[in-house]
C-alpha atoms as a PDB file:
ATOM      1  CA  MET A   1     104.070 100.903 184.855  1.00  0.00           C
ATOM      2  CA  SER A   2     102.711 102.191 187.998  1.00  0.00           C
ATOM      3  CA  ARG A   3     106.641 101.946 189.583  1.00  0.00           C
ATOM      4  CA  VAL A   4     107.764 103.811 186.472  1.00  0.00           C
ATOM      5  CA  GLN A   5     105.103 106.599 186.718  1.00  0.00           C
ATOM      6  CA  GLY A   6     105.388 106.863 190.417  1.00  0.00           C
ATOM      7  CA  ARG A   7     109.219 107.405 190.659  1.00  0.00           C
ATOM      8  CA  PRO A   8     109.239 111.152 189.220  1.00  0.00           C
ATOM      9  CA  ARG A   9     106.434 112.022 191.738  1.00  0.00           C
ATOM     10  CA  ARG A  10     108.492 110.850 194.625  1.00  0.00           C
ATOM     11  CA  VAL A  11     111.516 112.817 193.260  1.00  0.00           C
ATOM     12  CA  ARG A  12     109.169 115.707 192.834  1.00  0.00           C
ATOM     13  CA  GLN A  13     107.806 115.490 196.375  1.00  0.00           C
ATOM     14  CA  ALA A  14     111.381 114.913 197.860  1.00  0.00           C
ATOM     15  CA  ARG A  15     112.633 118.048 195.887  1.00  0.00           C
ATOM     16  CA  ARG A  16     109.700 120.324 197.307  1.00  0.00           C
ATOM     17  CA  ALA A  17     110.271 118.850 201.037  1.00  0.00           C
ATOM     18  CA  ARG A  18     114.206 119.603 200.530  1.00  0.00           C
ATOM     19  CA  ARG A  19     113.116 123.133 199.570  1.00  0.00           C
ATOM     20  CA  ALA A  20     110.500 123.589 202.380  1.00  0.00           C
ATOM     21  CA  VAL A  21     113.120 122.773 204.864  1.00  0.00           C
ATOM     22  CA  GLY A  22     115.672 124.825 203.477  1.00  0.00           C
ATOM     23  CA  VAL A  23     113.181 128.035 203.546  1.00  0.00           C
ATOM     24  CA  LEU A  24     112.139 127.038 207.035  1.00  0.00           C
ATOM     25  CA  THR A  25     115.602 126.871 208.253  1.00  0.00           C
ATOM     26  CA  THR A  26     116.609 130.204 206.571  1.00  0.00           C
ATOM     27  CA  LEU A  27     113.309 131.725 208.206  1.00  0.00           C
ATOM     28  CA  ALA A  28     114.726 130.421 211.617  1.00  0.00           C
ATOM     29  CA  VAL A  29     118.277 131.565 211.095  1.00  0.00           C
ATOM     30  CA  LEU A  30     116.965 135.134 210.344  1.00  0.00           C
ATOM     31  CA  GLY A  31     114.599 134.930 213.294  1.00  0.00           C
ATOM     32  CA  MET A  32     117.438 134.408 215.434  1.00  0.00           C
ATOM     33  CA  TRP A  33     119.476 137.183 213.957  1.00  0.00           C
ATOM     34  CA  GLU A  34     116.552 139.774 214.605  1.00  0.00           C
ATOM     35  CA  ALA A  35     116.137 138.539 218.153  1.00  0.00           C
ATOM     36  CA  ALA A  36     119.819 138.570 219.076  1.00  0.00           C
ATOM     37  CA  GLY A  37     120.017 142.030 217.593  1.00  0.00           C
ATOM     38  CA  ARG A  38     116.896 143.570 219.284  1.00  0.00           C
ATOM     39  CA  SER A  39     118.302 142.077 222.771  1.00  0.00           C
ATOM     40  CA  GLY A  40     121.620 143.471 222.562  1.00  0.00           C
ATOM     41  CA  SER A  41     123.204 140.204 223.558  1.00  0.00           C
ATOM     42  CA  VAL A  42     125.820 140.302 220.813  1.00  0.00           C
ATOM     43  CA  MET A  43     127.944 143.327 220.789  1.00  0.00           C
ATOM     44  CA  PHE A  44     127.632 145.563 217.610  1.00  0.00           C
ATOM     45  CA  LEU A  45     124.940 143.345 216.079  1.00  0.00           C
ATOM     46  CA  VAL A  46     122.226 145.144 214.340  1.00  0.00           C
ATOM     47  CA  PRO A  47     118.563 143.369 213.942  1.00  0.00           C
ATOM     48  CA  PHE A  48     117.959 141.828 210.575  1.00  0.00           C
ATOM     49  CA  SER A  49     115.303 144.132 209.481  1.00  0.00           C
ATOM     50  CA  VAL A  50     117.941 147.088 210.168  1.00  0.00           C
ATOM     51  CA  ALA A  51     120.506 145.103 207.875  1.00  0.00           C
ATOM     52  CA  ALA A  52     117.794 144.552 205.258  1.00  0.00           C
ATOM     53  CA  ARG A  53     116.982 148.435 205.221  1.00  0.00           C
ATOM     54  CA  GLY A  54     120.210 149.015 204.829  1.00  0.00           C
ATOM     55  CA  ALA A  55     120.657 146.498 202.312  1.00  0.00           C
ATOM     56  CA  TRP A  56     117.632 147.905 200.131  1.00  0.00           C
ATOM     57  CA  ASP A  57     119.041 151.576 200.270  1.00  0.00           C
ATOM     58  CA  LEU A  58     122.543 150.126 199.032  1.00  0.00           C
ATOM     59  CA  VAL A  59     121.081 148.392 195.624  1.00  0.00           C
ATOM     60  CA  SER A  60     118.191 151.108 195.238  1.00  0.00           C
ATOM     61  CA  GLY A  61     120.439 154.114 195.570  1.00  0.00           C
ATOM     62  CA  PRO A  62     123.752 155.292 194.121  1.00  0.00           C
ATOM     63  CA  GLY A  63     125.609 152.340 195.910  1.00  0.00           C
ATOM     64  CA  LEU A  64     124.240 150.027 193.094  1.00  0.00           C
ATOM     65  CA  ARG A  65     126.611 151.693 190.323  1.00  0.00           C
ATOM     66  CA  GLN A  66     129.432 152.882 192.774  1.00  0.00           C
ATOM     67  CA  ASP A  67     129.711 149.449 194.648  1.00  0.00           C
ATOM     68  CA  VAL A  68     127.530 146.623 193.701  1.00  0.00           C
ATOM     69  CA  LEU A  69     127.847 146.260 190.145  1.00  0.00           C
ATOM     70  CA  PRO A  70     131.645 147.061 189.941  1.00  0.00           C
ATOM     71  CA  SER A  71     132.183 143.965 192.299  1.00  0.00           C
ATOM     72  CA  ALA A  72     129.560 141.854 190.313  1.00  0.00           C
ATOM     73  CA  THR A  73     131.459 142.559 187.111  1.00  0.00           C
ATOM     74  CA  ARG A  74     134.952 141.776 188.559  1.00  0.00           C
ATOM     75  CA  THR A  75     133.767 138.774 190.275  1.00  0.00           C
ATOM     76  CA  VAL A  76     132.105 137.342 186.830  1.00  0.00           C
ATOM     77  CA  ALA A  77     135.057 138.707 184.609  1.00  0.00           C
ATOM     78  CA  GLY A  78     137.762 137.009 187.002  1.00  0.00           C
ATOM     79  CA  PHE A  79     135.618 133.620 187.335  1.00  0.00           C
ATOM     80  CA  PHE A  80     135.282 133.572 183.188  1.00  0.00           C
ATOM     81  CA  VAL A  81     139.090 134.151 182.669  1.00  0.00           C
ATOM     82  CA  GLY A  82     140.517 131.599 185.450  1.00  0.00           C
ATOM     83  CA  SER A  83     138.022 129.157 184.426  1.00  0.00           C
ATOM     84  CA  SER A  84     138.601 129.312 180.773  1.00  0.00           C
ATOM     85  CA  LEU A  85     142.562 129.202 181.467  1.00  0.00           C
ATOM     86  CA  GLY A  86     141.793 126.331 183.973  1.00  0.00           C
ATOM     87  CA  VAL A  87     140.039 124.238 181.630  1.00  0.00           C
ATOM     88  CA  ALA A  88     142.406 124.706 178.596  1.00  0.00           C
ATOM     89  CA  VAL A  89     145.418 123.807 180.822  1.00  0.00           C
ATOM     90  CA  GLY A  90     143.768 121.211 182.548  1.00  0.00           C
ATOM     91  CA  LEU A  91     142.999 119.457 179.291  1.00  0.00           C
ATOM     92  CA  LEU A  92     146.267 119.956 177.964  1.00  0.00           C
ATOM     93  CA  LEU A  93     148.084 118.490 180.832  1.00  0.00           C
ATOM     94  CA  GLY A  94     145.220 115.706 181.280  1.00  0.00           C
ATOM     95  CA  HIS A  95     145.583 114.291 177.843  1.00  0.00           C
ATOM     96  CA  PHE A  96     149.431 114.963 177.093  1.00  0.00           C
ATOM     97  CA  ARG A  97     150.966 113.509 180.038  1.00  0.00           C
ATOM     98  CA  ALA A  98     154.279 113.618 178.841  1.00  0.00           C
ATOM     99  CA  LEU A  99     154.129 117.445 179.800  1.00  0.00           C
ATOM    100  CA  ASP A 100     153.548 116.782 183.422  1.00  0.00           C
ATOM    101  CA  PRO A 101     157.032 116.603 184.168  1.00  0.00           C
ATOM    102  CA  TRP A 102     158.176 119.765 182.551  1.00  0.00           C
ATOM    103  CA  VAL A 103     155.216 122.086 184.164  1.00  0.00           C
ATOM    104  CA  ARG A 104     154.119 120.165 187.422  1.00  0.00           C
ATOM    105  CA  PRO A 105     157.016 121.993 189.863  1.00  0.00           C
ATOM    106  CA  VAL A 106     155.849 125.244 188.537  1.00  0.00           C
ATOM    107  CA  LEU A 107     152.271 124.697 189.068  1.00  0.00           C
ATOM    108  CA  GLU A 108     152.818 123.189 192.453  1.00  0.00           C
ATOM    109  CA  PHE A 109     154.780 126.211 193.419  1.00  0.00           C
ATOM    110  CA  LEU A 110     152.173 128.839 192.226  1.00  0.00           C
ATOM    111  CA  ARG A 111     149.364 126.658 193.747  1.00  0.00           C
ATOM    112  CA  ALA A 112     151.163 126.650 197.153  1.00  0.00           C
ATOM    113  CA  VAL A 113     151.368 130.471 197.331  1.00  0.00           C
ATOM    114  CA  PRO A 114     148.807 132.286 199.503  1.00  0.00           C
ATOM    115  CA  LEU A 115     146.314 134.314 197.198  1.00  0.00           C
ATOM    116  CA  PRO A 116     146.136 137.269 199.866  1.00  0.00           C
ATOM    117  CA  ALA A 117     150.201 137.221 200.143  1.00  0.00           C
ATOM    118  CA  VAL A 118     150.018 138.055 196.259  1.00  0.00           C
ATOM    119  CA  LEU A 119     147.551 141.078 196.458  1.00  0.00           C
ATOM    120  CA  PRO A 120     150.257 143.648 197.966  1.00  0.00           C
ATOM    121  CA  VAL A 121     152.879 142.358 195.316  1.00  0.00           C
ATOM    122  CA  ALA A 122     150.315 142.649 192.500  1.00  0.00           C
ATOM    123  CA  VAL A 123     148.812 146.210 193.757  1.00  0.00           C
ATOM    124  CA  LEU A 124     152.690 147.254 193.752  1.00  0.00           C
ATOM    125  CA  ALA A 125     153.668 145.957 190.292  1.00  0.00           C
ATOM    126  CA  PHE A 126     150.793 146.651 188.366  1.00  0.00           C
ATOM    127  CA  GLY A 127     148.622 149.436 190.399  1.00  0.00           C
ATOM    128  CA  PRO A 128     145.488 149.294 192.340  1.00  0.00           C
ATOM    129  CA  ASN A 129     143.137 149.150 189.110  1.00  0.00           C
ATOM    130  CA  SER A 130     140.277 146.785 188.359  1.00  0.00           C
ATOM    131  CA  GLY A 131     142.395 144.917 186.040  1.00  0.00           C
ATOM    132  CA  THR A 132     144.741 143.765 188.687  1.00  0.00           C
ATOM    133  CA  ARG A 133     141.705 142.904 190.936  1.00  0.00           C
ATOM    134  CA  VAL A 134     140.134 140.740 188.093  1.00  0.00           C
ATOM    135  CA  GLY A 135     143.795 139.022 187.733  1.00  0.00           C
ATOM    136  CA  LEU A 136     143.631 138.191 191.271  1.00  0.00           C
ATOM    137  CA  ILE A 137     140.440 136.865 191.175  1.00  0.00           C
ATOM    138  CA  ALA A 138     141.008 134.807 188.104  1.00  0.00           C
ATOM    139  CA  LEU A 139     144.270 133.507 189.967  1.00  0.00           C
ATOM    140  CA  GLY A 140     142.153 132.064 192.622  1.00  0.00           C
ATOM    141  CA  ALA A 141     139.463 130.658 190.379  1.00  0.00           C
ATOM    142  CA  VAL A 142     142.179 128.918 188.226  1.00  0.00           C
ATOM    143  CA  TRP A 143     143.420 126.061 190.375  1.00  0.00           C
ATOM    144  CA  PRO A 144     140.240 124.243 191.315  1.00  0.00           C
ATOM    145  CA  VAL A 145     139.165 124.190 187.580  1.00  0.00           C
ATOM    146  CA  LEU A 146     142.429 123.155 186.196  1.00  0.00           C
ATOM    147  CA  LEU A 147     143.042 120.464 188.796  1.00  0.00           C
ATOM    148  CA  ASN A 148     139.506 119.042 188.350  1.00  0.00           C
ATOM    149  CA  THR A 149     139.753 119.298 184.344  1.00  0.00           C
ATOM    150  CA  MET A 150     143.270 117.663 184.451  1.00  0.00           C
ATOM    151  CA  ASP A 151     141.803 114.643 186.892  1.00  0.00           C
ATOM    152  CA  GLY A 152     138.671 114.353 184.828  1.00  0.00           C
ATOM    153  CA  ALA A 153     140.778 113.921 181.401  1.00  0.00           C
ATOM    154  CA  ARG A 154     143.102 111.561 183.121  1.00  0.00           C
ATOM    155  CA  THR A 155     139.990 109.085 184.341  1.00  0.00           C
ATOM    156  CA  VAL A 156     138.296 108.780 181.023  1.00  0.00           C
ATOM    157  CA  ASP A 157     137.695 105.343 179.940  1.00  0.00           C
ATOM    158  CA  ALA A 158     140.738 104.494 177.740  1.00  0.00           C
ATOM    159  CA  GLY A 159     138.544 102.234 175.692  1.00  0.00           C
ATOM    160  CA  PHE A 160     136.877 105.444 174.557  1.00  0.00           C
ATOM    161  CA  VAL A 161     140.026 107.037 173.346  1.00  0.00           C
ATOM    162  CA  ASP A 162     141.538 103.873 171.584  1.00  0.00           C
ATOM    163  CA  ALA A 163     138.055 103.233 169.834  1.00  0.00           C
ATOM    164  CA  ALA A 164     138.325 106.942 168.321  1.00  0.00           C
ATOM    165  CA  ARG A 165     141.601 106.656 167.238  1.00  0.00           C
ATOM    166  CA  ALA A 166     141.074 103.418 165.791  1.00  0.00           C
ATOM    167  CA  ALA A 167     138.435 105.265 163.634  1.00  0.00           C
ATOM    168  CA  HIS A 168     141.047 107.327 162.602  1.00  0.00           C
ATOM    169  CA  VAL A 169     139.819 110.493 164.531  1.00  0.00           C
ATOM    170  CA  GLY A 170     142.364 113.332 164.869  1.00  0.00           C
ATOM    171  CA  ARG A 171     143.859 113.678 168.302  1.00  0.00           C
ATOM    172  CA  TRP A 172     142.191 117.349 168.805  1.00  0.00           C
ATOM    173  CA  ARG A 173     138.879 115.710 168.069  1.00  0.00           C
ATOM    174  CA  VAL A 174     139.410 112.931 170.372  1.00  0.00           C
ATOM    175  CA  VAL A 175     139.834 115.791 173.019  1.00  0.00           C
ATOM    176  CA  SER A 176     136.970 117.775 172.057  1.00  0.00           C
ATOM    177  CA  ARG A 177     134.364 114.946 170.988  1.00  0.00           C
ATOM    178  CA  VAL A 178     135.406 112.281 173.606  1.00  0.00           C
ATOM    179  CA  ILE A 179     137.558 113.574 176.618  1.00  0.00           C
ATOM    180  CA  TRP A 180     135.913 116.809 176.971  1.00  0.00           C
ATOM    181  CA  PRO A 181     132.241 115.561 177.309  1.00  0.00           C
ATOM    182  CA  ALA A 182     133.454 112.770 179.664  1.00  0.00           C
ATOM    183  CA  CYS A 183     135.043 114.838 182.268  1.00  0.00           C
ATOM    184  CA  LEU A 184     132.544 117.634 182.008  1.00  0.00           C
ATOM    185  CA  PRO A 185     131.032 116.696 185.628  1.00  0.00           C
ATOM    186  CA  GLN A 186     134.401 116.911 187.250  1.00  0.00           C
ATOM    187  CA  VAL A 187     134.767 120.226 185.204  1.00  0.00           C
ATOM    188  CA  PHE A 188     131.583 121.642 186.908  1.00  0.00           C
ATOM    189  CA  ALA A 189     132.711 120.414 190.242  1.00  0.00           C
ATOM    190  CA  GLY A 190     135.685 122.433 189.753  1.00  0.00           C
ATOM    191  CA  LEU A 191     133.910 125.377 188.476  1.00  0.00           C
ATOM    192  CA  ARG A 192     131.385 125.399 191.628  1.00  0.00           C
ATOM    193  CA  ILE A 193     134.407 125.842 194.005  1.00  0.00           C
ATOM    194  CA  ALA A 194     135.897 128.457 191.607  1.00  0.00           C
ATOM    195  CA  LEU A 195     132.685 130.556 192.005  1.00  0.00           C
ATOM    196  CA  GLY A 196     133.134 130.724 195.592  1.00  0.00           C
ATOM    197  CA  ILE A 197     136.859 131.617 195.644  1.00  0.00           C
ATOM    198  CA  SER A 198     135.968 134.097 192.844  1.00  0.00           C
ATOM    199  CA  LEU A 199     133.661 135.934 195.365  1.00  0.00           C
ATOM    200  CA  ILE A 200     136.053 135.428 198.525  1.00  0.00           C
ATOM    201  CA  MET A 201     138.897 137.064 196.018  1.00  0.00           C
ATOM    202  CA  MET A 202     136.891 139.649 194.869  1.00  0.00           C
ATOM    203  CA  VAL A 203     136.104 140.958 198.627  1.00  0.00           C
ATOM    204  CA  ILE A 204     139.650 140.650 199.561  1.00  0.00           C
ATOM    205  CA  SER A 205     140.881 142.520 196.547  1.00  0.00           C
ATOM    206  CA  GLU A 206     138.579 145.276 197.152  1.00  0.00           C
ATOM    207  CA  MET A 207     139.735 145.872 200.808  1.00  0.00           C
ATOM    208  CA  VAL A 208     143.112 146.989 199.580  1.00  0.00           C
ATOM    209  CA  ALA A 209     143.973 150.258 198.132  1.00  0.00           C
ATOM    210  CA  SER A 210     140.319 150.553 196.491  1.00  0.00           C
ATOM    211  CA  THR A 211     137.731 153.336 195.978  1.00  0.00           C
ATOM    212  CA  SER A 212     134.629 151.106 195.107  1.00  0.00           C
ATOM    213  CA  GLY A 213     133.248 147.802 195.548  1.00  0.00           C
ATOM    214  CA  LEU A 214     131.389 146.139 197.843  1.00  0.00           C
ATOM    215  CA  GLY A 215     134.522 144.869 199.997  1.00  0.00           C
ATOM    216  CA  PHE A 216     135.489 148.456 200.081  1.00  0.00           C
ATOM    217  CA  PHE A 217     132.331 149.698 201.178  1.00  0.00           C
ATOM    218  CA  VAL A 218     131.985 147.252 204.046  1.00  0.00           C
ATOM    219  CA  LEU A 219     135.736 148.034 205.200  1.00  0.00           C
ATOM    220  CA  GLN A 220     134.868 151.653 205.378  1.00  0.00           C
ATOM    221  CA  ALA A 221     131.891 151.147 207.142  1.00  0.00           C
ATOM    222  CA  GLN A 222     133.540 149.130 209.659  1.00  0.00           C
ATOM    223  CA  ARG A 223     136.147 151.949 210.276  1.00  0.00           C
ATOM    224  CA  ALA A 224     133.329 154.590 210.514  1.00  0.00           C
ATOM    225  CA  TYR A 225     131.516 152.394 213.209  1.00  0.00           C
ATOM    226  CA  ALA A 226     128.648 152.511 210.682  1.00  0.00           C
ATOM    227  CA  PHE A 227     127.191 149.014 211.636  1.00  0.00           C
ATOM    228  CA  GLN A 228     124.216 149.326 209.689  1.00  0.00           C
ATOM    229  CA  ASP A 229     125.910 149.862 206.643  1.00  0.00           C
ATOM    230  CA  MET A 230     128.497 147.420 207.303  1.00  0.00           C
ATOM    231  CA  TYR A 231     125.985 144.530 207.729  1.00  0.00           C
ATOM    232  CA  ALA A 232     124.092 145.581 204.819  1.00  0.00           C
ATOM    233  CA  GLY A 233     127.095 145.273 202.811  1.00  0.00           C
ATOM    234  CA  VAL A 234     127.610 141.786 203.842  1.00  0.00           C
ATOM    235  CA  LEU A 235     123.713 141.006 203.370  1.00  0.00           C
ATOM    236  CA  VAL A 236     124.257 142.375 199.941  1.00  0.00           C
ATOM    237  CA  LEU A 237     127.544 140.000 199.259  1.00  0.00           C
ATOM    238  CA  GLY A 238     125.377 137.035 200.602  1.00  0.00           C
ATOM    239  CA  LEU A 239     122.591 137.700 198.151  1.00  0.00           C
ATOM    240  CA  LEU A 240     125.220 138.148 195.184  1.00  0.00           C
ATOM    241  CA  GLY A 241     126.714 135.164 196.020  1.00  0.00           C
ATOM    242  CA  GLY A 242     123.237 133.466 196.137  1.00  0.00           C
ATOM    243  CA  LEU A 243     122.190 134.700 192.883  1.00  0.00           C
ATOM    244  CA  PHE A 244     125.458 133.588 191.221  1.00  0.00           C
ATOM    245  CA  THR A 245     124.801 129.957 192.708  1.00  0.00           C
ATOM    246  CA  LEU A 246     121.476 129.915 191.440  1.00  0.00           C
ATOM    247  CA  MET A 247     122.309 130.975 187.986  1.00  0.00           C
ATOM    248  CA  PHE A 248     125.363 128.526 187.792  1.00  0.00           C
ATOM    249  CA  THR A 249     123.194 125.388 188.975  1.00  0.00           C
ATOM    250  CA  ALA A 250     120.531 126.588 186.191  1.00  0.00           C
ATOM    251  CA  VAL A 251     123.520 126.303 183.707  1.00  0.00           C
ATOM    252  CA  GLU A 252     124.884 122.934 185.057  1.00  0.00           C
ATOM    253  CA  TYR A 253     121.521 121.283 185.300  1.00  0.00           C
ATOM    254  CA  HIS A 254     121.101 122.145 181.744  1.00  0.00           C
ATOM    255  CA  VAL A 255     124.677 120.887 180.339  1.00  0.00           C
ATOM    256  CA  LEU A 256     124.692 117.922 182.677  1.00  0.00           C
ATOM    257  CA  ALA A 257     121.088 116.628 182.046  1.00  0.00           C
ATOM    258  CA  TRP A 258     122.417 113.502 180.464  1.00  0.00           C
ATOM    259  CA  TYR A 259     124.888 112.859 183.440  1.00  0.00           C
ATOM    260  CA  GLU A 260     122.050 113.103 185.686  1.00  0.00           C
ATOM    261  CA  GLY A 261     120.004 110.556 183.426  1.00  0.00           C
ATOM    262  CA  GLN A 262     122.666 108.187 183.870  1.00  0.00           C
ATOM    263  CA  LYS A 263     122.814 108.276 187.305  1.00  0.00           C
ATOM    264  CA  GLY A 264     119.136 107.302 187.275  1.00  0.00           C
ATOM    265  CA  ILE A 265     117.750 110.813 188.311  1.00  0.00           C
ATOM    266  CA  GLY A 266     115.071 111.801 186.852  1.00  0.00           C
ATOM    267  CA  ARG A 267     114.310 115.243 185.445  1.00  0.00           C
ATOM    268  CA  GLY A 268     110.622 115.462 186.680  1.00  0.00           C
END
């Protein structure tokens, strides 16, 4: 009993130690940024304190509605659209393998096209509007989710599927009740990658023929040599990405609690 009771305590202590190391590392990096900015050893680098002051001005002033919120909305919308499409197509192709020869060449071609190269074509075809940018973000998010979902669906233990079919469970119920839960860990691995790609595509899409957003803000500041604003925009982008990651991790931890338990990782 003492070993069983002591294990959650060791897990909590290990988590606290990792968090403490993370905080100390972050503070050390910010301290080096501050020192390098004040020493002038790096050209055009402003101190962290100056960038942080500019970031606060950005999120507490008109920039919140003009740039920060539009960027966050586009990122979330593109991520959800791309992820939903990736999950649906990935489950379909993973379970119905007869479809693979028909769609594989098209998927491989689309996946091989660099996304930044699609941006000018999309702007010319559909116009420089938010819908086009959301579509580009979705196009970037769809591939890691689709491939991970398809791979997860194909690696589900065949015994589970055969047992469900022996019990006369319908094909779609097999997908929703057997295959989908079993491939969730790989789906979330793809979703985590897709979230990072969504942020990158949001910035890239806002740097072309845009009038709002953090990407537009950073580019305009760079062109005007407003380095405080440029670093402030970059800092806000980093904070936005960190916020999205924390929210995603909380959802992942809740949804995959059963999987962590199977791996022997206590929740304590």
